Protein backbone atom coordinates (compact mmCIF):
# COMPACT_ATOMS: atom_id res chain seq x y z
CA UNK A 1 91.09 210.99 263.60
CA UNK A 2 94.59 209.53 263.41
CA UNK A 3 96.79 210.64 260.51
CA UNK A 4 99.17 208.22 258.77
CA UNK A 5 101.70 210.38 256.93
CA UNK A 6 103.18 209.19 253.67
CA UNK A 7 106.78 209.53 254.85
CA UNK A 8 106.06 207.45 257.96
CA UNK A 9 105.02 204.37 255.98
CA UNK A 10 107.20 201.31 255.56
CA UNK A 11 109.48 201.43 252.51
CA UNK A 12 111.02 198.68 250.38
CA UNK A 13 113.42 199.23 247.49
CA UNK A 14 114.13 196.12 245.41
CA UNK A 15 115.60 197.73 242.31
CA UNK A 16 112.71 196.77 240.02
CA UNK A 17 110.10 197.60 242.69
CA UNK A 18 109.65 200.52 245.06
CA UNK A 19 106.91 199.96 247.61
CA UNK A 20 105.38 201.94 250.46
CA UNK A 21 103.40 200.03 253.10
CA UNK A 22 100.64 201.73 255.08
CA UNK A 23 100.44 198.65 257.31
CA UNK A 24 102.86 195.93 258.41
CA UNK A 25 103.76 193.84 255.38
CA UNK A 26 106.50 191.35 254.46
CA UNK A 27 109.72 192.43 256.25
CA UNK A 28 108.17 195.67 257.53
CA UNK A 29 106.51 195.51 260.94
CA UNK A 30 105.00 198.32 263.00
CA UNK A 31 102.89 197.19 265.98
CA UNK A 32 100.84 200.41 265.78
CA UNK A 33 99.92 199.80 262.14
CA UNK A 34 99.01 196.15 261.59
CA UNK A 35 95.80 196.99 259.74
CA UNK A 36 92.59 198.90 260.38
CA UNK A 37 89.39 196.97 260.98
CA UNK A 38 89.11 194.48 258.04
CA UNK A 39 91.61 196.51 255.99
CA UNK A 40 94.94 194.67 256.18
CA UNK A 41 97.18 195.95 253.37
CA UNK A 42 97.56 199.14 251.36
CA UNK A 43 100.73 199.04 249.29
CA UNK A 44 101.70 201.81 246.91
CA UNK A 45 103.92 200.15 244.29
CA UNK A 46 106.01 201.42 241.41
CA UNK A 47 107.16 198.66 239.05
CA UNK A 48 109.85 199.17 236.43
CA UNK A 49 109.16 198.34 232.75
CA UNK A 50 109.18 194.63 231.98
CA UNK A 51 109.31 193.62 235.65
CA UNK A 52 106.79 192.19 238.08
CA UNK A 53 105.67 189.42 240.41
CA UNK A 54 105.95 185.84 239.14
CA UNK A 55 103.26 183.27 239.81
CA UNK A 56 102.50 183.09 243.53
CA UNK A 57 99.60 181.87 245.71
CA UNK A 58 97.00 183.70 247.80
CA UNK A 59 94.29 182.39 250.09
CA UNK A 60 91.42 183.90 252.10
CA UNK A 61 91.95 187.53 251.13
CA UNK A 62 89.99 190.08 249.12
CA UNK A 63 92.55 191.74 246.79
CA UNK A 64 91.82 195.04 245.05
CA UNK A 65 94.28 196.71 242.66
CA UNK A 66 93.82 200.25 241.34
CA UNK A 67 96.15 201.40 238.56
CA UNK A 68 97.18 205.06 238.87
CA UNK A 69 99.47 205.15 235.84
CA UNK A 70 100.94 202.64 233.42
CA UNK A 71 99.52 199.13 233.09
CA UNK A 72 99.60 195.71 234.76
CA UNK A 73 99.33 192.33 233.04
CA UNK A 74 97.43 189.84 235.19
CA UNK A 75 97.15 186.07 234.76
CA UNK A 76 95.60 183.67 237.27
CA UNK A 77 94.69 180.03 237.86
CA UNK A 78 91.00 180.82 237.25
CA UNK A 79 91.83 181.43 233.60
CA UNK A 80 91.71 185.24 233.70
CA UNK A 81 94.31 187.18 231.79
CA UNK A 82 94.27 190.82 230.77
CA UNK A 83 96.27 194.02 230.82
CA UNK A 84 94.73 196.39 233.38
CA UNK A 85 95.18 200.03 232.38
CA UNK A 86 95.44 203.30 234.31
CA UNK A 87 92.07 204.22 235.80
CA UNK A 88 90.93 200.59 236.06
CA UNK A 89 90.15 198.56 239.17
CA UNK A 90 90.71 194.83 239.53
CA UNK A 91 89.19 192.58 242.19
CA UNK A 92 90.23 189.05 243.05
CA UNK A 93 88.77 186.95 245.86
CA UNK A 94 91.52 184.48 246.73
CA UNK A 95 89.12 182.42 248.84
CA UNK A 96 89.99 178.72 248.96
CA UNK A 97 93.16 179.38 246.96
CA UNK A 98 94.34 180.99 243.74
CA UNK A 99 97.63 181.64 241.97
CA UNK A 100 98.42 184.67 239.85
CA UNK A 101 101.19 186.74 238.32
CA UNK A 102 101.43 190.51 237.82
CA UNK A 103 103.82 192.18 235.37
CA UNK A 104 104.38 195.59 233.88
CA UNK A 105 104.06 194.81 230.14
CA UNK A 106 105.51 198.12 228.94
CA UNK A 107 109.10 198.24 227.64
CA UNK A 108 109.34 201.94 228.54
CA UNK A 109 106.88 203.15 231.20
CA UNK A 110 106.74 202.32 234.92
CA UNK A 111 103.52 201.19 236.58
CA UNK A 112 102.14 203.02 239.61
CA UNK A 113 99.40 201.26 241.58
CA UNK A 114 97.69 200.76 244.89
CA UNK A 115 97.12 197.19 246.04
CA UNK A 116 94.62 196.65 248.84
CA UNK A 117 93.93 193.53 250.89
CA UNK A 118 90.73 193.17 252.89
CA UNK A 119 90.10 190.27 255.26
CA UNK A 120 86.99 188.34 254.14
CA UNK A 121 84.08 187.65 256.46
CA UNK A 122 84.28 183.92 255.77
CA UNK A 123 87.11 181.54 255.00
CA UNK A 124 87.33 179.17 252.04
CA UNK A 125 85.03 181.10 249.71
CA UNK A 126 85.02 180.29 246.01
CA UNK A 127 87.70 182.33 244.20
CA UNK A 128 86.27 185.15 242.11
CA UNK A 129 87.40 187.91 239.76
CA UNK A 130 86.01 191.21 238.47
CA UNK A 131 87.15 194.43 236.81
CA UNK A 132 85.79 197.93 236.53
CA UNK A 133 86.91 200.98 234.56
CA UNK A 134 86.86 204.31 236.39
CA UNK A 135 88.37 206.36 233.60
CA UNK A 136 85.03 208.12 233.07
CA UNK A 137 84.07 208.39 236.74
CA UNK A 138 82.61 211.86 237.31
CA UNK A 139 84.52 214.47 239.29
CA UNK A 140 83.10 216.15 242.35
CA UNK A 141 81.28 213.13 243.77
CA UNK A 142 81.86 209.72 245.32
CA UNK A 143 81.54 206.58 243.18
CA UNK A 144 80.92 203.29 245.01
CA UNK A 145 83.48 200.67 243.91
CA UNK A 146 82.90 197.69 246.25
CA UNK A 147 80.26 196.63 248.75
CA UNK A 148 78.98 193.50 250.46
CA UNK A 149 75.79 193.47 248.36
CA UNK A 150 77.04 194.82 245.01
CA UNK A 151 74.66 197.77 245.32
CA UNK A 152 74.61 200.67 242.86
CA UNK A 153 76.70 198.81 240.31
CA UNK A 154 79.59 198.16 242.70
CA UNK A 155 81.61 194.95 242.82
CA UNK A 156 80.26 192.54 245.46
CA UNK A 157 82.98 191.38 247.85
CA UNK A 158 83.14 188.99 250.80
CA UNK A 159 83.17 191.70 253.47
CA UNK A 160 81.05 194.61 254.67
CA UNK A 161 83.54 197.15 253.30
CA UNK A 162 82.28 199.94 251.09
CA UNK A 163 85.09 201.41 249.00
CA UNK A 164 84.40 204.80 247.42
CA UNK A 165 86.44 206.82 244.91
CA UNK A 166 86.28 210.60 244.54
CA UNK A 167 88.06 212.53 241.80
CA UNK A 168 88.24 216.21 242.67
CA UNK A 169 89.36 219.26 240.73
CA UNK A 170 90.81 222.16 242.76
CA UNK A 171 88.11 223.73 244.93
CA UNK A 172 85.65 220.84 244.62
CA UNK A 173 84.29 219.26 247.80
CA UNK A 174 82.62 215.98 248.75
CA UNK A 175 80.94 214.90 251.98
CA UNK A 176 80.53 211.42 253.46
CA UNK A 177 78.33 210.50 256.42
CA UNK A 178 79.46 207.71 258.75
CA UNK A 179 76.68 205.71 260.37
CA UNK A 180 76.87 204.93 264.08
CA UNK A 181 79.37 202.13 264.66
CA UNK A 182 81.06 202.58 261.28
CA UNK A 183 84.70 203.53 260.74
CA UNK A 184 86.56 205.12 257.83
CA UNK A 185 90.00 204.94 256.31
CA UNK A 186 90.82 207.66 253.79
CA UNK A 187 93.78 207.09 251.47
CA UNK A 188 94.87 210.03 249.32
CA UNK A 189 96.08 208.43 246.10
CA UNK A 190 96.98 211.68 244.35
CA UNK A 191 96.89 215.42 245.01
CA UNK A 192 96.20 217.44 248.17
CA UNK A 193 92.97 217.83 250.14
CA UNK A 194 91.60 219.27 253.35
CA UNK A 195 89.81 216.66 255.49
CA UNK A 196 87.72 218.31 258.22
CA UNK A 197 90.39 221.04 258.27
CA UNK A 198 93.40 218.66 258.25
CA UNK A 199 95.66 218.78 255.18
CA UNK A 200 96.42 215.44 253.49
CA UNK A 201 98.95 215.10 250.69
CA UNK A 202 99.53 212.24 248.25
CA UNK A 203 100.27 209.04 250.17
CA UNK A 204 98.80 210.35 253.43
CA UNK A 205 95.89 208.57 255.10
CA UNK A 206 93.50 209.02 258.01
CA UNK A 207 91.87 206.47 260.31
CA UNK A 208 88.54 207.81 261.55
CA UNK A 209 86.13 206.65 264.24
CA UNK A 210 83.31 208.37 266.14
CA UNK A 211 82.90 211.05 263.47
CA UNK A 212 79.54 211.51 261.77
CA UNK A 213 80.49 213.78 258.86
CA UNK A 214 83.60 213.86 256.70
CA UNK A 215 84.22 216.83 254.42
CA UNK A 216 86.99 216.77 251.82
CA UNK A 217 87.99 219.78 249.72
CA UNK A 218 90.63 219.58 247.01
CA UNK A 219 93.59 221.97 247.10
CA UNK A 220 95.01 220.29 243.98
CA UNK A 221 93.52 217.82 241.52
CA UNK A 222 93.11 214.72 243.66
CA UNK A 223 91.99 211.12 243.85
CA UNK A 224 90.61 209.88 247.17
CA UNK A 225 89.86 206.32 248.26
CA UNK A 226 87.45 206.14 251.20
CA UNK A 227 86.81 202.84 252.99
CA UNK A 228 83.59 202.72 255.06
CA UNK A 229 84.15 199.77 257.39
CA UNK A 230 82.19 197.83 260.01
């Protein structure tokens, strides 16, 4: 297990945007943290009211956005356009090429989100889009958000990357078993947890290989993203 502490991440302050980069991104480069397996980007962004990213292109990347608080207005060249609210997940396969914009539509409240990029298992795929609400996701258990096959109601993506969400109240625990040859990245979105005896706080992460069982216990109310990767 290798811990990636929140305060060690890359940091960008653009006035309208504050961003923390778990991996090398844009002007931030750390040769020790250029990604993990197929996971290439985890950015924690805070966007001021009325601000955002103008129309820009993406290609050959699986892009997942999870809104922690506030809202994000999305428009893309596939014809999709909607305001994504706190507790909702958005997926966009950039594939052969797509353009989109992302803005905080609120005049008063900032937006807090995690944006995740996963390298696809094939280039030039047809662009795709999906959404899922996790506002009513049960506490005390893992909910599967993405998978290669779309199993158990998850969003099918172009990579063998199972993304799980766990919402935990203080004292609640969840376990996850890693199959032989699989790897995990745990990103603590909110709260404080114990992971196999190691304390993680909001923004912290852990890269895990050659472990068969992962046990997480909440110290505070928490949200955990767990990536089970090939």
